Amino acid sequence: MIKVRNKRSLPRHILFLSALLLVGSACRGTTPIGDLLADPGRYDGKTVRVAGEVTGSVGALGRGGYRLDDGTGSLVVISENRAVPVAGATVGVKGEFQAVFTFFSESIAILLEQGRFSP
């Protein structure tokens, strides 16, 4: 026997699934900084999310830079639109990863900050 569903239940399911997808995309994980530095060519020019502790910062007039360490590596984050966080702060950052150069086993890279989030 085929059951006919109530017409009102379909929109609730669609609404629930839409909300679930929205929350899932907002809670997307972060990339370990060590992974970025181990394979910089893979991430070069791509938007990534990282999180960690600020180990040093320099800034003035809403611009500057800070070093972010997540335990797997550290990365310099360049901020052009907002004040930099103080040393010791824990932050999450979304930005464009840029591989500057690789020399033997050392990779130097930066992250151009697009936004911050609470890790």
PDB file of N, CA and C in Angstrom:
ATOM      1  N   MET A   1       0.835  -1.168   0.000  1.00  0.00           N
ATOM      2  CA  MET A   1       0.000   0.000   0.000  1.00  0.00           C
ATOM      3  C   MET A   1       0.889   1.244   0.000  1.00  0.00           C
ATOM      4  N   ILE A   2       0.572   2.228  -0.768  1.00  0.00           N
ATOM      5  CA  ILE A   2       1.322   3.477  -0.865  1.00  0.00           C
ATOM      6  C   ILE A   2       0.697   4.501   0.063  1.00  0.00           C
ATOM      7  N   LYS A   3       1.528   5.074   0.903  1.00  0.00           N
ATOM      8  CA  LYS A   3       1.038   6.097   1.821  1.00  0.00           C
ATOM      9  C   LYS A   3       1.218   7.464   1.182  1.00  0.00           C
ATOM     10  N   VAL A   4       0.248   8.304   1.358  1.00  0.00           N
ATOM     11  CA  VAL A   4       0.319   9.666   0.851  1.00  0.00           C
ATOM     12  C   VAL A   4       0.727  10.556   2.010  1.00  0.00           C
ATOM     13  N   ARG A   5       1.769  11.314   1.796  1.00  0.00           N
ATOM     14  CA  ARG A   5       2.249  12.206   2.844  1.00  0.00           C
ATOM     15  C   ARG A   5       1.441  13.483   2.875  1.00  0.00           C
ATOM     16  N   ASN A   6       1.412  14.019   4.028  1.00  0.00           N
ATOM     17  CA  ASN A   6       0.759  15.308   4.223  1.00  0.00           C
ATOM     18  C   ASN A   6       1.552  16.358   3.444  1.00  0.00           C
ATOM     19  N   LYS A   7       0.906  17.196   2.679  1.00  0.00           N
ATOM     20  CA  LYS A   7       1.580  18.194   1.865  1.00  0.00           C
ATOM     21  C   LYS A   7       2.373  19.187   2.705  1.00  0.00           C
ATOM     22  N   ARG A   8       1.983  19.384   3.959  1.00  0.00           N
ATOM     23  CA  ARG A   8       2.687  20.335   4.815  1.00  0.00           C
ATOM     24  C   ARG A   8       4.029  19.794   5.303  1.00  0.00           C
ATOM     25  N   SER A   9       4.219  18.491   5.339  1.00  0.00           N
ATOM     26  CA  SER A   9       5.460  17.939   5.874  1.00  0.00           C
ATOM     27  C   SER A   9       6.638  18.116   4.920  1.00  0.00           C
ATOM     28  N   LEU A  10       6.407  18.194   3.641  1.00  0.00           N
ATOM     29  CA  LEU A  10       7.500  18.337   2.684  1.00  0.00           C
ATOM     30  C   LEU A  10       8.274  19.637   2.881  1.00  0.00           C
ATOM     31  N   PRO A  11       7.624  20.786   2.997  1.00  0.00           N
ATOM     32  CA  PRO A  11       8.399  22.007   3.205  1.00  0.00           C
ATOM     33  C   PRO A  11       9.216  21.990   4.496  1.00  0.00           C
ATOM     34  N   ARG A  12       8.708  21.334   5.553  1.00  0.00           N
ATOM     35  CA  ARG A  12       9.478  21.257   6.798  1.00  0.00           C
ATOM     36  C   ARG A  12      10.759  20.472   6.592  1.00  0.00           C
ATOM     37  N   HIS A  13      10.678  19.395   5.825  1.00  0.00           N
ATOM     38  CA  HIS A  13      11.874  18.595   5.550  1.00  0.00           C
ATOM     39  C   HIS A  13      12.872  19.406   4.722  1.00  0.00           C
ATOM     40  N   ILE A  14      12.375  20.117   3.752  1.00  0.00           N
ATOM     41  CA  ILE A  14      13.264  20.935   2.929  1.00  0.00           C
ATOM     42  C   ILE A  14      13.907  22.026   3.776  1.00  0.00           C
ATOM     43  N   LEU A  15      13.128  22.646   4.635  1.00  0.00           N
ATOM     44  CA  LEU A  15      13.653  23.679   5.517  1.00  0.00           C
ATOM     45  C   LEU A  15      14.714  23.099   6.453  1.00  0.00           C
ATOM     46  N   PHE A  16      14.452  21.923   7.018  1.00  0.00           N
ATOM     47  CA  PHE A  16      15.401  21.272   7.916  1.00  0.00           C
ATOM     48  C   PHE A  16      16.706  20.948   7.185  1.00  0.00           C
ATOM     49  N   LEU A  17      16.600  20.375   5.979  1.00  0.00           N
ATOM     50  CA  LEU A  17      17.799  20.023   5.214  1.00  0.00           C
ATOM     51  C   LEU A  17      18.588  21.266   4.821  1.00  0.00           C
ATOM     52  N   SER A  18      17.889  22.323   4.449  1.00  0.00           N
ATOM     53  CA  SER A  18      18.562  23.577   4.096  1.00  0.00           C
ATOM     54  C   SER A  18      19.319  24.136   5.289  1.00  0.00           C
ATOM     55  N   ALA A  19      18.675  24.122   6.455  1.00  0.00           N
ATOM     56  CA  ALA A  19      19.325  24.616   7.670  1.00  0.00           C
ATOM     57  C   ALA A  19      20.537  23.761   8.025  1.00  0.00           C
ATOM     58  N   LEU A  20      20.411  22.450   7.855  1.00  0.00           N
ATOM     59  CA  LEU A  20      21.517  21.545   8.146  1.00  0.00           C
ATOM     60  C   LEU A  20      22.709  21.825   7.232  1.00  0.00           C
ATOM     61  N   LEU A  21      22.462  22.051   5.952  1.00  0.00           N
ATOM     62  CA  LEU A  21      23.530  22.360   5.012  1.00  0.00           C
ATOM     63  C   LEU A  21      24.196  23.691   5.351  1.00  0.00           C
ATOM     64  N   LEU A  22      23.408  24.665   5.751  1.00  0.00           N
ATOM     65  CA  LEU A  22      23.946  25.974   6.105  1.00  0.00           C
ATOM     66  C   LEU A  22      24.840  25.871   7.334  1.00  0.00           C
ATOM     67  N   VAL A  23      24.385  25.168   8.354  1.00  0.00           N
ATOM     68  CA  VAL A  23      25.189  24.990   9.565  1.00  0.00           C
ATOM     69  C   VAL A  23      26.442  24.185   9.247  1.00  0.00           C
ATOM     70  N   GLY A  24      26.316  23.172   8.432  1.00  0.00           N
ATOM     71  CA  GLY A  24      27.472  22.351   8.074  1.00  0.00           C
ATOM     72  C   GLY A  24      28.546  23.142   7.358  1.00  0.00           C
ATOM     73  N   SER A  25      28.139  24.048   6.465  1.00  0.00           N
ATOM     74  CA  SER A  25      29.132  24.838   5.752  1.00  0.00           C
ATOM     75  C   SER A  25      29.761  25.884   6.661  1.00  0.00           C
ATOM     76  N   ALA A  26      29.010  26.395   7.638  1.00  0.00           N
ATOM     77  CA  ALA A  26      29.556  27.386   8.570  1.00  0.00           C
ATOM     78  C   ALA A  26      30.537  26.746   9.542  1.00  0.00           C
ATOM     79  N   CYS A  27      30.392  25.461   9.842  1.00  0.00           N
ATOM     80  CA  CYS A  27      31.250  24.769  10.804  1.00  0.00           C
ATOM     81  C   CYS A  27      32.380  24.008  10.128  1.00  0.00           C
ATOM     82  N   ARG A  28      32.651  24.345   8.905  1.00  0.00           N
ATOM     83  CA  ARG A  28      33.709  23.672   8.175  1.00  0.00           C
ATOM     84  C   ARG A  28      35.002  23.741   8.966  1.00  0.00           C
ATOM     85  N   GLY A  29      35.785  22.692   8.914  1.00  0.00           N
ATOM     86  CA  GLY A  29      36.999  22.619   9.714  1.00  0.00           C
ATOM     87  C   GLY A  29      38.111  23.509   9.219  1.00  0.00           C
ATOM     88  N   THR A  30      39.189  23.475   9.959  1.00  0.00           N
ATOM     89  CA  THR A  30      40.368  24.249   9.599  1.00  0.00           C
ATOM     90  C   THR A  30      41.437  23.329   9.023  1.00  0.00           C
ATOM     91  N   THR A  31      42.358  23.928   8.312  1.00  0.00           N
ATOM     92  CA  THR A  31      43.489  23.196   7.742  1.00  0.00           C
ATOM     93  C   THR A  31      44.683  23.384   8.670  1.00  0.00           C
ATOM     94  N   PRO A  32      45.345  22.310   9.063  1.00  0.00           N
ATOM     95  CA  PRO A  32      46.547  22.466   9.890  1.00  0.00           C
ATOM     96  C   PRO A  32      47.613  23.269   9.136  1.00  0.00           C
ATOM     97  N   ILE A  33      48.253  24.193   9.818  1.00  0.00           N
ATOM     98  CA  ILE A  33      49.286  25.016   9.184  1.00  0.00           C
ATOM     99  C   ILE A  33      50.425  24.138   8.672  1.00  0.00           C
ATOM    100  N   GLY A  34      50.729  23.066   9.388  1.00  0.00           N
ATOM    101  CA  GLY A  34      51.768  22.138   8.935  1.00  0.00           C
ATOM    102  C   GLY A  34      51.453  21.548   7.566  1.00  0.00           C
ATOM    103  N   ASP A  35      50.178  21.278   7.282  1.00  0.00           N
ATOM    104  CA  ASP A  35      49.780  20.770   5.963  1.00  0.00           C
ATOM    105  C   ASP A  35      50.014  21.821   4.883  1.00  0.00           C
ATOM    106  N   LEU A  36      49.701  23.075   5.195  1.00  0.00           N
ATOM    107  CA  LEU A  36      49.913  24.156   4.229  1.00  0.00           C
ATOM    108  C   LEU A  36      51.384  24.287   3.875  1.00  0.00           C
ATOM    109  N   LEU A  37      52.240  24.231   4.900  1.00  0.00           N
ATOM    110  CA  LEU A  37      53.670  24.406   4.673  1.00  0.00           C
ATOM    111  C   LEU A  37      54.330  23.181   4.058  1.00  0.00           C
ATOM    112  N   ALA A  38      53.764  22.007   4.297  1.00  0.00           N
ATOM    113  CA  ALA A  38      54.325  20.777   3.732  1.00  0.00           C
ATOM    114  C   ALA A  38      54.060  20.655   2.232  1.00  0.00           C
ATOM    115  N   ASP A  39      52.965  21.232   1.753  1.00  0.00           N
ATOM    116  CA  ASP A  39      52.611  21.158   0.341  1.00  0.00           C
ATOM    117  C   ASP A  39      52.062  22.511  -0.129  1.00  0.00           C
ATOM    118  N   PRO A  40      52.911  23.554  -0.122  1.00  0.00           N
ATOM    119  CA  PRO A  40      52.428  24.897  -0.421  1.00  0.00           C
ATOM    120  C   PRO A  40      51.847  25.062  -1.822  1.00  0.00           C
ATOM    121  N   GLY A  41      52.347  24.318  -2.784  1.00  0.00           N
ATOM    122  CA  GLY A  41      51.833  24.419  -4.153  1.00  0.00           C
ATOM    123  C   GLY A  41      50.378  24.007  -4.264  1.00  0.00           C
ATOM    124  N   ARG A  42      49.970  23.068  -3.442  1.00  0.00           N
ATOM    125  CA  ARG A  42      48.584  22.582  -3.460  1.00  0.00           C
ATOM    126  C   ARG A  42      47.598  23.664  -3.002  1.00  0.00           C
ATOM    127  N   TYR A  43      48.035  24.496  -2.059  1.00  0.00           N
ATOM    128  CA  TYR A  43      47.141  25.491  -1.464  1.00  0.00           C
ATOM    129  C   TYR A  43      47.363  26.906  -2.001  1.00  0.00           C
ATOM    130  N   ASP A  44      48.417  27.119  -2.774  1.00  0.00           N
ATOM    131  CA  ASP A  44      48.766  28.458  -3.238  1.00  0.00           C
ATOM    132  C   ASP A  44      47.604  29.126  -3.977  1.00  0.00           C
ATOM    133  N   GLY A  45      47.227  30.312  -3.511  1.00  0.00           N
ATOM    134  CA  GLY A  45      46.147  31.070  -4.133  1.00  0.00           C
ATOM    135  C   GLY A  45      44.749  30.653  -3.711  1.00  0.00           C
ATOM    136  N   LYS A  46      44.648  29.668  -2.824  1.00  0.00           N
ATOM    137  CA  LYS A  46      43.339  29.171  -2.397  1.00  0.00           C
ATOM    138  C   LYS A  46      42.944  29.758  -1.046  1.00  0.00           C
ATOM    139  N   THR A  47      41.649  29.843  -0.824  1.00  0.00           N
ATOM    140  CA  THR A  47      41.135  30.316   0.456  1.00  0.00           C
ATOM    141  C   THR A  47      41.118  29.152   1.432  1.00  0.00           C
ATOM    142  N   VAL A  48      41.715  29.365   2.596  1.00  0.00           N
ATOM    143  CA  VAL A  48      41.796  28.339   3.642  1.00  0.00           C
ATOM    144  C   VAL A  48      41.372  28.937   4.969  1.00  0.00           C
ATOM    145  N   ARG A  49      41.106  28.059   5.914  1.00  0.00           N
ATOM    146  CA  ARG A  49      40.779  28.458   7.293  1.00  0.00           C
ATOM    147  C   ARG A  49      41.797  27.804   8.216  1.00  0.00           C
ATOM    148  N   VAL A  50      42.399  28.609   9.085  1.00  0.00           N
ATOM    149  CA  VAL A  50      43.355  28.115  10.069  1.00  0.00           C
ATOM    150  C   VAL A  50      42.980  28.688  11.432  1.00  0.00           C
ATOM    151  N   ALA A  51      43.485  28.070  12.477  1.00  0.00           N
ATOM    152  CA  ALA A  51      43.229  28.568  13.830  1.00  0.00           C
ATOM    153  C   ALA A  51      44.445  28.267  14.682  1.00  0.00           C
ATOM    154  N   GLY A  52      44.710  29.144  15.640  1.00  0.00           N
ATOM    155  CA  GLY A  52      45.836  28.924  16.521  1.00  0.00           C
ATOM    156  C   GLY A  52      46.049  30.091  17.458  1.00  0.00           C
ATOM    157  N   GLU A  53      47.219  30.110  18.071  1.00  0.00           N
ATOM    158  CA  GLU A  53      47.574  31.147  19.034  1.00  0.00           C
ATOM    159  C   GLU A  53      48.483  32.178  18.371  1.00  0.00           C
ATOM    160  N   VAL A  54      48.206  33.439  18.628  1.00  0.00           N
ATOM    161  CA  VAL A  54      49.040  34.525  18.119  1.00  0.00           C
ATOM    162  C   VAL A  54      50.310  34.564  18.962  1.00  0.00           C
ATOM    163  N   THR A  55      51.473  34.442  18.300  1.00  0.00           N
ATOM    164  CA  THR A  55      52.738  34.424  19.028  1.00  0.00           C
ATOM    165  C   THR A  55      53.480  35.748  18.925  1.00  0.00           C
ATOM    166  N   GLY A  56      53.029  36.641  18.072  1.00  0.00           N
ATOM    167  CA  GLY A  56      53.639  37.963  17.937  1.00  0.00           C
ATOM    168  C   GLY A  56      52.832  38.771  16.940  1.00  0.00           C
ATOM    169  N   SER A  57      52.803  40.086  17.128  1.00  0.00           N
ATOM    170  CA  SER A  57      52.041  40.914  16.199  1.00  0.00           C
ATOM    171  C   SER A  57      52.624  42.310  16.105  1.00  0.00           C
ATOM    172  N   VAL A  58      52.416  42.927  14.953  1.00  0.00           N
ATOM    173  CA  VAL A  58      52.838  44.296  14.695  1.00  0.00           C
ATOM    174  C   VAL A  58      51.720  44.943  13.905  1.00  0.00           C
ATOM    175  N   GLY A  59      51.292  46.120  14.322  1.00  0.00           N
ATOM    176  CA  GLY A  59      50.225  46.775  13.585  1.00  0.00           C
ATOM    177  C   GLY A  59      50.102  48.238  13.928  1.00  0.00           C
ATOM    178  N   ALA A  60      49.500  48.988  12.992  1.00  0.00           N
ATOM    179  CA  ALA A  60      49.216  50.401  13.198  1.00  0.00           C
ATOM    180  C   ALA A  60      48.141  50.819  12.210  1.00  0.00           C
ATOM    181  N   LEU A  61      47.230  51.658  12.663  1.00  0.00           N
ATOM    182  CA  LEU A  61      46.191  52.219  11.812  1.00  0.00           C
ATOM    183  C   LEU A  61      45.354  51.160  11.097  1.00  0.00           C
ATOM    184  N   GLY A  62      45.038  50.083  11.808  1.00  0.00           N
ATOM    185  CA  GLY A  62      44.177  49.048  11.244  1.00  0.00           C
ATOM    186  C   GLY A  62      44.842  48.116  10.259  1.00  0.00           C
ATOM    187  N   ARG A  63      46.145  48.130  10.181  1.00  0.00           N
ATOM    188  CA  ARG A  63      46.890  47.235   9.288  1.00  0.00           C
ATOM    189  C   ARG A  63      48.050  46.624  10.051  1.00  0.00           C
ATOM    190  N   GLY A  64      48.538  45.503   9.551  1.00  0.00           N
ATOM    191  CA  GLY A  64      49.692  44.896  10.195  1.00  0.00           C
ATOM    192  C   GLY A  64      49.777  43.421   9.904  1.00  0.00           C
ATOM    193  N   GLY A  65      50.500  42.743  10.766  1.00  0.00           N
ATOM    194  CA  GLY A  65      50.678  41.316  10.592  1.00  0.00           C
ATOM    195  C   GLY A  65      50.879  40.641  11.934  1.00  0.00           C
ATOM    196  N   TYR A  66      50.646  39.349  11.948  1.00  0.00           N
ATOM    197  CA  TYR A  66      50.850  38.576  13.165  1.00  0.00           C
ATOM    198  C   TYR A  66      51.198  37.143  12.807  1.00  0.00           C
ATOM    199  N   ARG A  67      51.910  36.481  13.708  1.00  0.00           N
ATOM    200  CA  ARG A  67      52.286  35.082  13.504  1.00  0.00           C
ATOM    201  C   ARG A  67      51.300  34.215  14.265  1.00  0.00           C
ATOM    202  N   LEU A  68      50.755  33.216  13.554  1.00  0.00           N
ATOM    203  CA  LEU A  68      49.776  32.296  14.115  1.00  0.00           C
ATOM    204  C   LEU A  68      50.388  30.908  14.180  1.00  0.00           C
ATOM    205  N   ASP A  69      50.315  30.272  15.345  1.00  0.00           N
ATOM    206  CA  ASP A  69      50.889  28.941  15.555  1.00  0.00           C
ATOM    207  C   ASP A  69      49.802  28.000  16.041  1.00  0.00           C
ATOM    208  N   ASP A  70      49.647  26.868  15.342  1.00  0.00           N
ATOM    209  CA  ASP A  70      48.616  25.897  15.741  1.00  0.00           C
ATOM    210  C   ASP A  70      49.199  24.605  16.297  1.00  0.00           C
ATOM    211  N   GLY A  71      50.495  24.593  16.566  1.00  0.00           N
ATOM    212  CA  GLY A  71      51.139  23.387  17.083  1.00  0.00           C
ATOM    213  C   GLY A  71      51.721  22.508  15.987  1.00  0.00           C
ATOM    214  N   THR A  72      51.255  22.668  14.734  1.00  0.00           N
ATOM    215  CA  THR A  72      51.809  21.909  13.605  1.00  0.00           C
ATOM    216  C   THR A  72      52.745  22.771  12.784  1.00  0.00           C
ATOM    217  N   GLY A  73      52.711  24.080  13.009  1.00  0.00           N
ATOM    218  CA  GLY A  73      53.526  25.032  12.271  1.00  0.00           C
ATOM    219  C   GLY A  73      53.059  26.435  12.558  1.00  0.00           C
ATOM    220  N   SER A  74      53.781  27.403  12.015  1.00  0.00           N
ATOM    221  CA  SER A  74      53.373  28.792  12.197  1.00  0.00           C
ATOM    222  C   SER A  74      53.378  29.507  10.854  1.00  0.00           C
ATOM    223  N   LEU A  75      52.563  30.553  10.795  1.00  0.00           N
ATOM    224  CA  LEU A  75      52.319  31.241   9.533  1.00  0.00           C
ATOM    225  C   LEU A  75      52.119  32.722   9.828  1.00  0.00           C
ATOM    226  N   VAL A  76      52.651  33.576   8.961  1.00  0.00           N
ATOM    227  CA  VAL A  76      52.431  35.011   9.086  1.00  0.00           C
ATOM    228  C   VAL A  76      51.108  35.355   8.414  1.00  0.00           C
ATOM    229  N   VAL A  77      50.271  36.095   9.136  1.00  0.00           N
ATOM    230  CA  VAL A  77      48.976  36.535   8.622  1.00  0.00           C
ATOM    231  C   VAL A  77      49.058  38.040   8.423  1.00  0.00           C
ATOM    232  N   ILE A  78      48.707  38.502   7.227  1.00  0.00           N
ATOM    233  CA  ILE A  78      48.702  39.926   6.900  1.00  0.00           C
ATOM    234  C   ILE A  78      47.268  40.426   6.983  1.00  0.00           C
ATOM    235  N   SER A  79      47.064  41.469   7.779  1.00  0.00           N
ATOM    236  CA  SER A  79      45.738  42.049   7.962  1.00  0.00           C
ATOM    237  C   SER A  79      45.746  43.476   7.432  1.00  0.00           C
ATOM    238  N   GLU A  80      44.858  43.770   6.500  1.00  0.00           N
ATOM    239  CA  GLU A  80      44.805  45.112   5.925  1.00  0.00           C
ATOM    240  C   GLU A  80      43.542  45.866   6.321  1.00  0.00           C
ATOM    241  N   ASN A  81      42.562  45.171   6.897  1.00  0.00           N
ATOM    242  CA  ASN A  81      41.278  45.810   7.157  1.00  0.00           C
ATOM    243  C   ASN A  81      40.905  45.929   8.620  1.00  0.00           C
ATOM    244  N   ARG A  82      41.719  45.410   9.503  1.00  0.00           N
ATOM    245  CA  ARG A  82      41.382  45.503  10.919  1.00  0.00           C
ATOM    246  C   ARG A  82      42.629  45.386  11.770  1.00  0.00           C
ATOM    247  N   ALA A  83      42.507  45.796  13.010  1.00  0.00           N
ATOM    248  CA  ALA A  83      43.635  45.747  13.938  1.00  0.00           C
ATOM    249  C   ALA A  83      44.056  44.300  14.173  1.00  0.00           C
ATOM    250  N   VAL A  84      45.327  44.103  14.413  1.00  0.00           N
ATOM    251  CA  VAL A  84      45.838  42.757  14.642  1.00  0.00           C
ATOM    252  C   VAL A  84      45.576  42.336  16.082  1.00  0.00           C
ATOM    253  N   PRO A  85      45.388  41.025  16.317  1.00  0.00           N
ATOM    254  CA  PRO A  85      45.195  40.545  17.687  1.00  0.00           C
ATOM    255  C   PRO A  85      46.507  40.583  18.468  1.00  0.00           C
ATOM    256  N   VAL A  86      46.402  40.625  19.773  1.00  0.00           N
ATOM    257  CA  VAL A  86      47.593  40.672  20.625  1.00  0.00           C
ATOM    258  C   VAL A  86      48.180  39.272  20.804  1.00  0.00           C
ATOM    259  N   ALA A  87      49.456  39.232  21.158  1.00  0.00           N
ATOM    260  CA  ALA A  87      50.125  37.959  21.428  1.00  0.00           C
ATOM    261  C   ALA A  87      49.398  37.226  22.548  1.00  0.00           C
ATOM    262  N   GLY A  88      49.205  35.933  22.367  1.00  0.00           N
ATOM    263  CA  GLY A  88      48.512  35.111  23.341  1.00  0.00           C
ATOM    264  C   GLY A  88      47.053  34.868  23.011  1.00  0.00           C
ATOM    265  N   ALA A  89      46.491  35.665  22.103  1.00  0.00           N
ATOM    266  CA  ALA A  89      45.090  35.484  21.710  1.00  0.00           C
ATOM    267  C   ALA A  89      44.944  34.236  20.842  1.00  0.00           C
ATOM    268  N   THR A  90      43.825  33.566  20.960  1.00  0.00           N
ATOM    269  CA  THR A  90      43.510  32.422  20.101  1.00  0.00           C
ATOM    270  C   THR A  90      42.486  32.887  19.079  1.00  0.00           C
ATOM    271  N   VAL A  91      42.825  32.747  17.799  1.00  0.00           N
ATOM    272  CA  VAL A  91      41.944  33.225  16.738  1.00  0.00           C
ATOM    273  C   VAL A  91      41.838  32.201  15.616  1.00  0.00           C
ATOM    274  N   GLY A  92      40.763  32.307  14.877  1.00  0.00           N
ATOM    275  CA  GLY A  92      40.590  31.569  13.639  1.00  0.00           C
ATOM    276  C   GLY A  92      40.606  32.577  12.508  1.00  0.00           C
ATOM    277  N   VAL A  93      41.237  32.214  11.401  1.00  0.00           N
ATOM    278  CA  VAL A  93      41.380  33.141  10.282  1.00  0.00           C
ATOM    279  C   VAL A  93      41.021  32.445   8.981  1.00  0.00           C
ATOM    280  N   LYS A  94      40.269  33.160   8.169  1.00  0.00           N
ATOM    281  CA  LYS A  94      39.992  32.718   6.802  1.00  0.00           C
ATOM    282  C   LYS A  94      40.745  33.671   5.893  1.00  0.00           C
ATOM    283  N   GLY A  95      41.472  33.125   4.916  1.00  0.00           N
ATOM    284  CA  GLY A  95      42.232  33.996   4.036  1.00  0.00           C
ATOM    285  C   GLY A  95      42.818  33.268   2.858  1.00  0.00           C
ATOM    286  N   GLU A  96      43.478  34.038   2.008  1.00  0.00           N
ATOM    287  CA  GLU A  96      44.122  33.479   0.817  1.00  0.00           C
ATOM    288  C   GLU A  96      45.555  33.099   1.150  1.00  0.00           C
ATOM    289  N   PHE A  97      45.880  31.830   0.958  1.00  0.00           N
ATOM    290  CA  PHE A  97      47.218  31.323   1.227  1.00  0.00           C
ATOM    291  C   PHE A  97      48.118  31.662   0.048  1.00  0.00           C
ATOM    292  N   GLN A  98      49.306  32.196   0.341  1.00  0.00           N
ATOM    293  CA  GLN A  98      50.267  32.504  -0.717  1.00  0.00           C
ATOM    294  C   GLN A  98      51.628  31.946  -0.355  1.00  0.00           C
ATOM    295  N   ALA A  99      52.098  31.013  -1.178  1.00  0.00           N
ATOM    296  CA  ALA A  99      53.423  30.438  -0.991  1.00  0.00           C
ATOM    297  C   ALA A  99      54.441  31.435  -1.530  1.00  0.00           C
ATOM    298  N   VAL A 100      55.334  31.923  -0.681  1.00  0.00           N
ATOM    299  CA  VAL A 100      56.319  32.912  -1.108  1.00  0.00           C
ATOM    300  C   VAL A 100      57.501  32.200  -1.763  1.00  0.00           C
ATOM    301  N   PHE A 101      58.099  31.232  -1.053  1.00  0.00           N
ATOM    302  CA  PHE A 101      59.139  30.410  -1.658  1.00  0.00           C
ATOM    303  C   PHE A 101      59.396  29.178  -0.813  1.00  0.00           C
ATOM    304  N   THR A 102      60.010  28.180  -1.442  1.00  0.00           N
ATOM    305  CA  THR A 102      60.434  26.962  -0.755  1.00  0.00           C
ATOM    306  C   THR A 102      61.909  26.767  -1.042  1.00  0.00           C
ATOM    307  N   PHE A 103      62.686  26.526  -0.004  1.00  0.00           N
ATOM    308  CA  PHE A 103      64.116  26.304  -0.138  1.00  0.00           C
ATOM    309  C   PHE A 103      64.456  25.049   0.647  1.00  0.00           C
ATOM    310  N   PHE A 104      64.811  23.978  -0.056  1.00  0.00           N
ATOM    311  CA  PHE A 104      65.032  22.664   0.528  1.00  0.00           C
ATOM    312  C   PHE A 104      63.789  22.235   1.308  1.00  0.00           C
ATOM    313  N   SER A 105      63.888  22.131   2.630  1.00  0.00           N
ATOM    314  CA  SER A 105      62.741  21.672   3.408  1.00  0.00           C
ATOM    315  C   SER A 105      61.995  22.823   4.089  1.00  0.00           C
ATOM    316  N   GLU A 106      62.389  24.060   3.825  1.00  0.00           N
ATOM    317  CA  GLU A 106      61.744  25.219   4.441  1.00  0.00           C
ATOM    318  C   GLU A 106      60.795  25.892   3.459  1.00  0.00           C
ATOM    319  N   SER A 107      59.572  26.135   3.895  1.00  0.00           N
ATOM    320  CA  SER A 107      58.586  26.865   3.099  1.00  0.00           C
ATOM    321  C   SER A 107      58.231  28.150   3.820  1.00  0.00           C
ATOM    322  N   ILE A 108      58.270  29.238   3.097  1.00  0.00           N
ATOM    323  CA  ILE A 108      57.860  30.529   3.631  1.00  0.00           C
ATOM    324  C   ILE A 108      56.571  30.902   2.919  1.00  0.00           C
ATOM    325  N   ALA A 109      55.559  31.233   3.711  1.00  0.00           N
ATOM    326  CA  ALA A 109      54.257  31.545   3.142  1.00  0.00           C
ATOM    327  C   ALA A 109      53.559  32.568   4.020  1.00  0.00           C
ATOM    328  N   ILE A 110      52.528  33.189   3.451  1.00  0.00           N
ATOM    329  CA  ILE A 110      51.713  34.138   4.202  1.00  0.00           C
ATOM    330  C   ILE A 110      50.239  33.824   3.952  1.00  0.00           C
ATOM    331  N   LEU A 111      49.415  34.378   4.806  1.00  0.00           N
ATOM    332  CA  LEU A 111      47.974  34.271   4.648  1.00  0.00           C
ATOM    333  C   LEU A 111      47.415  35.694   4.624  1.00  0.00           C
ATOM    334  N   LEU A 112      46.744  36.051   3.532  1.00  0.00           N
ATOM    335  CA  LEU A 112      46.125  37.372   3.435  1.00  0.00           C
ATOM    336  C   LEU A 112      44.742  37.268   4.051  1.00  0.00           C
ATOM    337  N   GLU A 113      44.583  37.876   5.205  1.00  0.00           N
ATOM    338  CA  GLU A 113      43.363  37.747   5.989  1.00  0.00           C
ATOM    339  C   GLU A 113      42.146  38.323   5.271  1.00  0.00           C
ATOM    340  N   GLN A 114      41.071  37.506   5.228  1.00  0.00           N
ATOM    341  CA  GLN A 114      39.790  37.942   4.692  1.00  0.00           C
ATOM    342  C   GLN A 114      38.760  38.101   5.799  1.00  0.00           C
ATOM    343  N   GLY A 115      38.947  37.371   6.888  1.00  0.00           N
ATOM    344  CA  GLY A 115      38.020  37.439   8.017  1.00  0.00           C
ATOM    345  C   GLY A 115      38.510  36.593   9.164  1.00  0.00           C
ATOM    346  N   ARG A 116      37.879  36.778  10.327  1.00  0.00           N
ATOM    347  CA  ARG A 116      38.222  36.009  11.516  1.00  0.00           C
ATOM    348  C   ARG A 116      36.977  35.331  12.069  1.00  0.00           C
ATOM    349  N   PHE A 117      37.209  34.259  12.813  1.00  0.00           N
ATOM    350  CA  PHE A 117      36.130  33.537  13.464  1.00  0.00           C
ATOM    351  C   PHE A 117      36.625  32.995  14.788  1.00  0.00           C
ATOM    352  N   SER A 118      35.709  32.617  15.642  1.00  0.00           N
ATOM    353  CA  SER A 118      36.083  32.015  16.921  1.00  0.00           C
ATOM    354  C   SER A 118      36.350  30.537  16.701  1.00  0.00           C
ATOM    355  N   PRO A 119      37.542  30.084  17.054  1.00  0.00           N
ATOM    356  CA  PRO A 119      37.857  28.657  16.830  1.00  0.00           C
ATOM    357  C   PRO A 119      37.153  27.747  17.826  1.00  0.00           C
TER     358      PRO A 119
END
